[in-house]
Amino acid sequence: MPNLWSIILAGGVGRRLATEAQRRYGYARPKQFCDFDGEGTLLERTMQRAQRLTPESRVVVVTTRSHRQEAIESLRMYPETQVVEQPLGRDTGPGILLALRAIEREDPAATVVMHPSDHYIHDVDGFVSHVRNGVRAAQTASERVVLLGAHPDEAQGSPESYGWMVPECATATRSAVRTFREKPPVEEAEALREAGARVNTFVMAGSLAAFVRLSEWWMPEWWQALATQERMAVENAYRTLPAVNFSREVLEPAGRYLDMYRLDPVGWSDIGTPVRLQAAFGEMTTHSTSRLAVHSHPPADKERRSATHNLQ
């Protein structure tokens, strides 16, 4: 798909799965760098899905400096992938904006699709087909961002642990978003579900210009701070500016600029809790094999080597 770029968000810490990661790797390895069944880390699986849509050279992975070695391990088979390394974790907003700025410098006319790196998908073919359709929908309305909304039955665990979108038309494949709420209280989440809301998968597509506009409006401090490529300015922004959750602080107030594309059941799961992990991969055992479970402690700084392109 011409001018299509993928952004993969892989900068999280994954505290809720820290115990499982500790048991497997000997330290609290972030979940996106964990291989839970011997078939590849969650980041590797995300890379494979992204490459169904965009060439490797147009995939930008957002990571964090403290987990550089884990990222190198997961991306070793993808040498053309571009990596944006954040100095620190500041939630999802700054990492997204840093990647958008990098793409803007190379391809101002780009269309962008974003992939969280901590999802499990059973029906990959069906999922990629839906993402592709969501991209096409975004390309027909360049001023809007299209989010994939999963059926509530796909969500595991408490409803207040998800973001919810109520479409204007509950039966339409694509519809404007009437209400967007990020992790509301349980009573409100249940009411939204009864009103026909769908779960925000955080898989979204839109023109670069659309994402840039939303970021400029609702992340103005970060927008200005990351306008430069100067490393010390980026470092200073990450040290001094507050964290920004993209769903809560950008998408929620920007609801009138959002469309929802219905995601049919594909075995989608946000691997955010031990319950969801077990639902996706089955019973976990200490004897399960993992190709990457080789560290008994976090990688030392001296072991880290750069095999990536830092674009900031």
Protein backbone atom coordinates (compact mmCIF):
# COMPACT_ATOMS: atom_id res chain seq x y z
CA MET A 1 0.00 0.00 0.00
CA PRO A 2 1.82 3.15 -1.20
CA ASN A 3 3.06 5.59 1.43
CA LEU A 4 1.88 3.32 4.25
CA TRP A 5 4.07 3.20 7.37
CA SER A 6 3.70 1.05 10.47
CA ILE A 7 4.49 2.25 13.99
CA ILE A 8 4.96 -0.50 16.57
CA LEU A 9 4.75 0.62 20.19
CA ALA A 10 7.23 -1.39 22.25
CA GLY A 11 8.27 0.99 25.01
CA GLY A 12 6.13 -0.30 27.87
CA VAL A 13 7.28 -1.95 31.10
CA GLY A 14 4.51 -4.54 31.55
CA ARG A 15 4.41 -4.52 35.35
CA ARG A 16 1.28 -6.67 35.58
CA LEU A 17 3.14 -9.61 34.00
CA ALA A 18 6.34 -9.02 35.93
CA THR A 19 5.93 -12.19 38.00
CA GLU A 20 5.57 -14.40 34.92
CA ALA A 21 8.51 -12.68 33.22
CA GLN A 22 10.61 -13.09 36.38
CA ARG A 23 9.83 -16.80 36.47
CA ARG A 24 10.82 -17.28 32.84
CA TYR A 25 13.74 -14.92 32.43
CA GLY A 26 15.04 -14.28 35.93
CA TYR A 27 14.08 -10.61 35.86
CA ALA A 28 11.03 -8.49 35.08
CA ARG A 29 11.47 -8.50 31.31
CA PRO A 30 8.79 -6.36 29.58
CA LYS A 31 6.06 -8.57 28.13
CA GLN A 32 6.59 -7.45 24.51
CA PHE A 33 10.06 -9.02 24.65
CA CYS A 34 8.80 -12.30 26.15
CA ASP A 35 8.32 -15.53 24.23
CA PHE A 36 5.53 -17.36 26.03
CA ASP A 37 5.24 -20.46 23.86
CA GLY A 38 8.51 -20.87 21.93
CA GLU A 39 7.04 -19.29 18.78
CA GLY A 40 8.52 -15.81 19.13
CA THR A 41 8.21 -12.78 21.34
CA LEU A 42 5.09 -10.64 21.21
CA LEU A 43 7.15 -7.99 19.41
CA GLU A 44 8.31 -10.50 16.79
CA ARG A 45 4.71 -11.56 16.18
CA THR A 46 3.70 -7.91 15.80
CA MET A 47 6.53 -7.38 13.31
CA GLN A 48 5.27 -10.30 11.26
CA ARG A 49 1.77 -8.79 11.12
CA ALA A 50 3.11 -5.33 10.27
CA GLN A 51 5.15 -6.73 7.40
CA ARG A 52 1.94 -8.01 5.84
CA LEU A 53 1.05 -4.34 5.35
CA THR A 54 4.29 -2.41 4.97
CA PRO A 55 7.86 -3.23 3.90
CA GLU A 56 10.36 -3.64 6.69
CA SER A 57 12.04 -0.34 5.85
CA ARG A 58 8.77 1.49 6.58
CA VAL A 59 8.27 -0.07 10.01
CA VAL A 60 9.21 2.18 12.93
CA VAL A 61 9.52 0.52 16.35
CA VAL A 62 9.32 2.72 19.44
CA THR A 63 11.45 1.39 22.30
CA THR A 64 13.05 2.71 25.48
CA ARG A 65 16.77 2.96 26.17
CA SER A 66 16.67 0.81 29.31
CA HIS A 67 15.52 -2.17 27.20
CA ARG A 68 17.76 -1.70 24.19
CA GLN A 69 19.26 -5.18 24.39
CA GLU A 70 15.86 -6.89 24.52
CA ALA A 71 14.77 -4.90 21.47
CA ILE A 72 17.92 -5.89 19.60
CA GLU A 73 17.22 -9.56 20.34
CA SER A 74 13.60 -9.38 19.15
CA LEU A 75 14.49 -7.40 16.01
CA ARG A 76 17.64 -9.26 14.99
CA MET A 77 15.86 -10.78 11.99
CA TYR A 78 14.65 -7.37 10.82
CA PRO A 79 17.78 -5.31 10.02
CA GLU A 80 15.94 -2.72 7.91
CA THR A 81 13.49 -1.83 10.65
CA GLN A 82 13.83 1.72 11.91
CA VAL A 83 13.94 2.12 15.68
CA VAL A 84 13.11 5.23 17.67
CA GLU A 85 14.63 4.92 21.13
CA GLN A 86 13.12 7.00 23.91
CA PRO A 87 15.43 8.15 26.73
CA LEU A 88 12.75 7.27 29.30
CA GLY A 89 9.24 5.89 29.43
CA ARG A 90 6.63 8.66 29.38
CA ASP A 91 3.53 6.60 28.54
CA THR A 92 2.25 6.21 24.98
CA GLY A 93 1.93 9.82 23.82
CA PRO A 94 5.56 10.96 23.54
CA GLY A 95 6.70 7.74 21.88
CA ILE A 96 3.97 8.02 19.26
CA LEU A 97 4.86 11.64 18.60
CA LEU A 98 8.58 10.85 18.33
CA ALA A 99 7.79 8.21 15.69
CA LEU A 100 5.45 10.57 13.83
CA ARG A 101 8.18 13.22 13.73
CA ALA A 102 10.62 10.67 12.30
CA ILE A 103 8.20 9.62 9.56
CA GLU A 104 7.34 13.26 8.82
CA ARG A 105 10.98 13.94 7.97
CA GLU A 106 11.04 11.09 5.44
CA ASP A 107 7.51 10.97 4.01
CA PRO A 108 5.20 13.92 4.78
CA ALA A 109 2.43 12.35 2.67
CA ALA A 110 2.46 9.10 4.66
CA THR A 111 -0.48 7.11 5.93
CA VAL A 112 0.28 5.56 9.32
CA VAL A 113 -1.02 2.43 11.03
CA MET A 114 -0.19 1.84 14.70
CA HIS A 115 0.27 -1.54 16.32
CA PRO A 116 0.64 -2.19 20.05
CA SER A 117 3.29 -4.86 20.57
CA ASP A 118 1.58 -6.72 23.42
CA HIS A 119 -1.36 -8.25 21.55
CA TYR A 120 -2.09 -11.86 20.70
CA ILE A 121 -4.08 -12.65 17.54
CA HIS A 122 -5.37 -16.14 16.77
CA ASP A 123 -6.68 -15.47 13.25
CA VAL A 124 -3.82 -13.43 11.83
CA ASP A 125 -5.14 -13.51 8.25
CA GLY A 126 -8.54 -12.20 9.33
CA PHE A 127 -6.99 -9.55 11.56
CA VAL A 128 -4.62 -8.24 8.88
CA SER A 129 -7.50 -8.09 6.43
CA HIS A 130 -9.45 -5.92 8.85
CA VAL A 131 -6.46 -3.66 9.46
CA ARG A 132 -6.00 -3.28 5.71
CA ASN A 133 -9.66 -2.29 5.36
CA GLY A 134 -9.27 0.17 8.22
CA VAL A 135 -6.31 1.74 6.41
CA ARG A 136 -8.36 2.07 3.23
CA ALA A 137 -11.14 3.70 5.25
CA ALA A 138 -8.64 6.19 6.68
CA GLN A 139 -7.31 6.97 3.21
CA THR A 140 -10.79 8.00 2.05
CA ALA A 141 -11.06 10.61 4.84
CA SER A 142 -7.60 12.01 5.39
CA GLU A 143 -8.69 14.29 8.24
CA ARG A 144 -9.89 11.42 10.44
CA VAL A 145 -8.29 8.60 12.43
CA VAL A 146 -9.84 5.12 12.20
CA LEU A 147 -9.63 2.78 15.21
CA LEU A 148 -10.39 -0.93 15.21
CA GLY A 149 -13.10 -1.74 17.73
CA ALA A 150 -13.24 -5.29 19.06
CA HIS A 151 -16.44 -7.02 20.12
CA PRO A 152 -16.77 -7.00 23.94
CA ASP A 153 -16.75 -10.80 23.96
CA GLU A 154 -13.11 -10.65 22.83
CA ALA A 155 -12.17 -8.73 26.01
CA GLN A 156 -10.94 -10.73 28.97
CA GLY A 157 -11.27 -9.46 32.52
CA SER A 158 -12.81 -6.36 34.03
CA PRO A 159 -14.52 -3.92 31.65
CA GLU A 160 -12.93 -0.93 33.38
CA SER A 161 -9.50 -2.11 32.23
CA TYR A 162 -10.29 -1.23 28.59
CA GLY A 163 -11.05 1.82 26.52
CA TRP A 164 -14.56 1.92 25.03
CA MET A 165 -16.00 3.49 21.87
CA VAL A 166 -19.70 4.02 21.19
CA PRO A 167 -20.30 4.33 17.42
CA GLU A 168 -22.94 6.59 15.96
CA CYS A 169 -24.32 3.59 14.07
CA ALA A 170 -24.01 0.28 15.90
CA THR A 171 -24.62 -1.84 12.78
CA ALA A 172 -22.29 -0.03 10.37
CA THR A 173 -18.92 -1.53 9.52
CA ARG A 174 -17.46 1.96 9.80
CA SER A 175 -19.02 4.70 11.88
CA ALA A 176 -18.14 8.00 13.48
CA VAL A 177 -17.36 7.70 17.19
CA ARG A 178 -20.06 9.24 19.39
CA THR A 179 -18.30 8.58 22.71
CA PHE A 180 -14.74 7.57 23.58
CA ARG A 181 -13.87 6.70 27.17
CA GLU A 182 -10.53 5.37 28.32
CA LYS A 183 -10.77 2.92 31.23
CA PRO A 184 -13.88 4.42 32.86
CA PRO A 185 -15.21 3.26 36.26
CA VAL A 186 -16.80 -0.16 36.17
CA GLU A 187 -20.39 1.11 36.32
CA GLU A 188 -19.80 3.43 33.38
CA ALA A 189 -17.95 0.73 31.45
CA GLU A 190 -20.89 -1.63 31.87
CA ALA A 191 -23.31 1.09 30.73
CA LEU A 192 -21.16 1.80 27.66
CA ARG A 193 -21.09 -1.89 26.83
CA GLU A 194 -24.88 -2.08 27.06
CA ALA A 195 -25.09 0.97 24.78
CA GLY A 196 -23.27 -0.96 22.04
CA ALA A 197 -19.72 0.19 22.74
CA ARG A 198 -16.74 -1.67 21.36
CA VAL A 199 -13.31 -2.16 22.88
CA ASN A 200 -10.53 0.14 21.71
CA THR A 201 -7.77 -2.16 20.43
CA PHE A 202 -5.44 0.85 20.00
CA VAL A 203 -4.80 -0.41 16.47
CA MET A 204 -5.47 2.71 14.41
CA ALA A 205 -4.81 4.21 11.01
CA GLY A 206 -4.82 7.68 9.59
CA SER A 207 -2.90 10.14 7.50
CA LEU A 208 0.27 11.46 9.06
CA ALA A 209 -1.35 14.89 8.89
CA ALA A 210 -4.34 13.70 10.95
CA PHE A 211 -2.15 12.25 13.70
CA VAL A 212 0.08 15.32 13.66
CA ARG A 213 -2.93 17.62 14.01
CA LEU A 214 -4.31 15.74 17.02
CA SER A 215 -0.87 15.70 18.67
CA GLU A 216 -0.36 19.40 18.06
CA TRP A 217 -3.74 20.22 19.58
CA TRP A 218 -3.68 17.99 22.65
CA MET A 219 0.08 17.54 23.26
CA PRO A 220 1.30 21.07 22.52
CA GLU A 221 4.27 21.04 24.90
CA TRP A 222 5.55 17.77 23.54
CA TRP A 223 4.78 18.85 19.99
CA GLN A 224 7.04 21.86 20.35
CA ALA A 225 9.73 20.03 22.29
CA LEU A 226 10.10 17.21 19.74
CA ALA A 227 10.15 19.49 16.71
CA THR A 228 13.94 19.34 16.81
CA GLN A 229 16.25 16.45 16.01
CA GLU A 230 18.79 17.75 18.54
CA ARG A 231 19.46 14.94 21.00
CA MET A 232 19.88 17.08 24.12
CA ALA A 233 16.56 18.82 23.48
CA VAL A 234 14.83 15.43 23.25
CA GLU A 235 16.59 14.26 26.42
CA ASN A 236 15.51 17.41 28.25
CA ALA A 237 11.90 17.02 27.14
CA TYR A 238 11.77 13.47 28.46
CA ARG A 239 13.26 14.59 31.78
CA THR A 240 11.01 17.60 32.36
CA LEU A 241 7.66 17.17 30.61
CA PRO A 242 4.80 15.13 32.12
CA ALA A 243 3.80 11.72 30.81
CA VAL A 244 0.92 11.66 28.32
CA ASN A 245 -1.43 8.75 27.79
CA PHE A 246 -2.45 8.98 24.13
CA SER A 247 -5.84 7.33 24.63
CA ARG A 248 -6.91 9.43 27.59
CA GLU A 249 -5.37 12.78 26.74
CA VAL A 250 -5.60 12.79 22.94
CA LEU A 251 -8.17 10.31 21.63
CA GLU A 252 -10.77 10.89 24.34
CA PRO A 253 -11.14 14.65 23.74
CA ALA A 254 -10.68 14.15 19.98
CA GLY A 255 -13.68 11.86 19.62
CA ARG A 256 -15.33 13.96 16.92
CA TYR A 257 -12.33 13.32 14.67
CA LEU A 258 -12.43 9.54 15.12
CA ASP A 259 -14.10 6.73 13.21
CA MET A 260 -14.50 3.17 14.42
CA TYR A 261 -14.08 0.16 12.15
CA ARG A 262 -15.68 -3.01 13.47
CA LEU A 263 -13.24 -5.85 14.08
CA ASP A 264 -14.89 -9.24 13.67
CA PRO A 265 -13.91 -11.92 16.20
CA VAL A 266 -10.34 -12.97 15.35
CA GLY A 267 -9.12 -14.21 18.71
CA TRP A 268 -7.76 -10.78 19.67
CA SER A 269 -6.37 -10.28 23.16
CA ASP A 270 -4.55 -7.48 24.89
CA ILE A 271 -2.00 -9.46 26.92
CA GLY A 272 -2.23 -7.11 29.88
CA THR A 273 -2.87 -9.48 32.79
CA PRO A 274 -2.05 -13.06 33.82
CA VAL A 275 -5.69 -13.99 33.10
CA ARG A 276 -5.45 -12.75 29.51
CA LEU A 277 -2.05 -14.38 29.10
CA GLN A 278 -3.41 -17.77 30.12
CA ALA A 279 -6.50 -17.33 27.92
CA ALA A 280 -4.26 -16.67 24.92
CA PHE A 281 -1.53 -19.24 25.43
CA GLY A 282 -3.10 -21.83 27.71
CA GLU A 283 -1.68 -23.14 30.95
CA MET A 284 1.76 -21.69 31.68
CA THR A 285 4.38 -24.06 33.10
CA THR A 286 7.92 -23.51 34.29
CA HIS A 287 9.04 -26.12 31.74
CA SER A 288 7.68 -24.29 28.69
CA THR A 289 10.38 -23.55 26.16
CA SER A 290 11.40 -20.05 25.13
CA ARG A 291 14.03 -19.27 22.54
CA LEU A 292 14.89 -16.02 24.27
CA ALA A 293 14.78 -17.07 27.93
CA VAL A 294 18.54 -16.93 28.22
CA HIS A 295 19.19 -14.15 30.76
CA SER A 296 19.27 -14.89 34.46
CA HIS A 297 19.54 -11.15 35.10
CA PRO A 298 18.91 -7.93 33.17
CA PRO A 299 21.47 -7.28 30.40
CA ALA A 300 24.32 -5.15 31.68
CA ASP A 301 24.99 -1.81 30.03
CA LYS A 302 28.30 -3.05 28.66
CA GLU A 303 26.44 -5.84 26.81
CA ARG A 304 24.25 -3.41 24.91
CA ARG A 305 25.20 -2.71 21.34
CA SER A 306 23.33 -0.64 18.78
CA ALA A 307 22.07 -2.50 15.74
CA THR A 308 19.28 0.00 15.17
CA HIS A 309 18.67 3.38 13.61
CA ASN A 310 17.93 6.09 16.16
CA LEU A 311 15.86 8.64 14.25
CA GLN A 312 15.31 11.39 16.79
